[in-house]
Amino acid sequence: MNISKNKKYTLVKIENTNISNFLKDFTNNFTNFKGEQLIVDFSENSNTTEKDLILFLKLNNQHKEDGTSFVIICETVDIDNLPEELNVVPTLTEAEDIIEMEAIERDLGF
């Protein structure tokens, strides 16, 4: 797991192709991301499936309950086959846009 932070968000990149190991590491470190806008990047893992991403739904919901954004970057899946509450986009630019839009929504009380 490769973690980089800037003033707007924390970017977590998967380093290996084993989703279950990544999920285990990510879950173990999840409390370290509390209060941060979070982007999880699967763009370098071409074997990622919709089923793999659904494994992150519980963490996604927990993170959003804390009032922060959780966005996944993955261009190899059909987002129409994923739950609506899971933000999945194909590029980092779109992930940044989602974070900005959700911040505006929170500011407006939505």
Protein backbone atom coordinates (compact mmCIF):
# COMPACT_ATOMS: atom_id res chain seq x y z
CA MET A 1 0.00 0.00 0.00
CA ASN A 2 1.45 3.33 -1.10
CA ILE A 3 0.06 6.37 0.74
CA SER A 4 0.53 9.99 -0.27
CA LYS A 5 -1.13 13.04 1.24
CA ASN A 6 -1.72 16.58 0.12
CA LYS A 7 -3.79 19.37 1.66
CA LYS A 8 -7.01 18.21 -0.06
CA TYR A 9 -6.96 14.40 0.21
CA THR A 10 -5.08 11.20 0.97
CA LEU A 11 -4.30 8.92 -1.97
CA VAL A 12 -3.90 5.19 -1.32
CA LYS A 13 -2.54 3.09 -4.19
CA ILE A 14 -2.70 -0.67 -4.34
CA GLU A 15 0.78 -2.08 -4.85
CA ASN A 16 0.03 -5.72 -5.60
CA THR A 17 -2.69 -7.60 -7.44
CA ASN A 18 -3.98 -9.45 -4.38
CA ILE A 19 -7.12 -7.56 -3.39
CA SER A 20 -7.70 -9.55 -0.20
CA ASN A 21 -4.23 -8.69 1.18
CA PHE A 22 -4.71 -5.04 0.25
CA LEU A 23 -8.14 -4.98 1.90
CA LYS A 24 -6.70 -6.51 5.06
CA ASP A 25 -3.88 -3.92 5.23
CA PHE A 26 -6.27 -1.11 4.36
CA THR A 27 -8.77 -2.19 7.02
CA ASN A 28 -6.02 -2.45 9.65
CA ASN A 29 -4.89 1.11 8.84
CA PHE A 30 -8.37 2.54 8.29
CA THR A 31 -8.48 4.46 11.58
CA ASN A 32 -5.42 6.42 10.42
CA PHE A 33 -7.58 7.94 7.66
CA LYS A 34 -10.29 9.29 9.97
CA GLY A 35 -11.22 12.85 9.05
CA GLU A 36 -9.40 12.74 5.70
CA GLN A 37 -10.81 12.86 2.19
CA LEU A 38 -9.78 9.49 0.80
CA ILE A 39 -9.03 8.26 -2.73
CA VAL A 40 -8.22 4.58 -3.26
CA ASP A 41 -6.47 4.03 -6.59
CA PHE A 42 -6.86 0.71 -8.43
CA SER A 43 -5.84 2.18 -11.80
CA GLU A 44 -2.64 0.14 -11.99
CA ASN A 45 -4.43 -3.12 -11.19
CA SER A 46 -6.17 -4.24 -14.38
CA ASN A 47 -7.61 -7.37 -12.73
CA THR A 48 -10.00 -5.48 -10.43
CA THR A 49 -13.65 -6.53 -10.70
CA GLU A 50 -16.95 -5.14 -9.45
CA LYS A 51 -16.96 -7.89 -6.83
CA ASP A 52 -13.57 -6.68 -5.54
CA LEU A 53 -14.79 -3.10 -5.17
CA ILE A 54 -17.97 -4.11 -3.36
CA LEU A 55 -15.70 -5.43 -0.58
CA PHE A 56 -14.94 -1.77 0.20
CA LEU A 57 -18.60 -0.77 0.60
CA LYS A 58 -18.67 -1.12 4.40
CA LEU A 59 -15.54 1.01 4.79
CA ASN A 60 -16.94 3.50 2.28
CA ASN A 61 -20.15 3.89 4.27
CA GLN A 62 -18.28 4.17 7.58
CA HIS A 63 -15.99 6.85 6.16
CA LYS A 64 -18.88 8.86 4.75
CA GLU A 65 -20.75 8.67 8.08
CA ASP A 66 -17.79 10.53 9.56
CA GLY A 67 -18.42 13.37 7.09
CA THR A 68 -15.60 12.71 4.66
CA SER A 69 -15.36 11.53 1.07
CA PHE A 70 -14.32 8.08 -0.13
CA VAL A 71 -13.64 7.68 -3.85
CA ILE A 72 -12.26 4.71 -5.78
CA ILE A 73 -10.35 5.06 -9.04
CA CYS A 74 -10.86 2.09 -11.34
CA GLU A 75 -11.47 2.17 -15.06
CA THR A 76 -11.83 -1.60 -15.60
CA VAL A 77 -15.30 -1.96 -14.07
CA ASP A 78 -18.80 -1.05 -15.17
CA ILE A 79 -20.02 1.45 -12.58
CA ASP A 80 -23.62 0.61 -13.46
CA ASN A 81 -23.05 -2.77 -11.76
CA LEU A 82 -21.99 -1.17 -8.46
CA PRO A 83 -24.06 0.17 -5.56
CA GLU A 84 -24.95 3.82 -5.98
CA GLU A 85 -23.33 4.88 -2.69
CA LEU A 86 -19.91 3.68 -3.89
CA ASN A 87 -18.09 6.47 -5.78
CA VAL A 88 -16.05 4.86 -8.55
CA VAL A 89 -14.45 6.97 -11.27
CA PRO A 90 -11.90 6.23 -14.01
CA THR A 91 -9.36 9.03 -13.32
CA LEU A 92 -7.71 10.97 -10.52
CA THR A 93 -9.11 14.23 -11.91
CA GLU A 94 -12.66 12.90 -11.59
CA ALA A 95 -11.93 11.66 -8.06
CA GLU A 96 -10.75 15.15 -7.12
CA ASP A 97 -13.95 16.58 -8.62
CA ILE A 98 -16.10 14.21 -6.53
CA ILE A 99 -14.28 15.28 -3.37
CA GLU A 100 -14.88 18.95 -4.19
CA MET A 101 -18.58 18.38 -4.99
CA GLU A 102 -19.16 16.42 -1.78
CA ALA A 103 -17.44 19.16 0.24
CA ILE A 104 -19.83 21.70 -1.28
CA GLU A 105 -22.81 19.45 -0.52
CA ARG A 106 -21.68 19.10 3.12
CA ASP A 107 -21.25 22.88 3.38
CA LEU A 108 -24.80 23.34 2.08
CA GLY A 109 -26.16 20.78 4.55
CA PHE A 110 -27.05 17.96 2.17
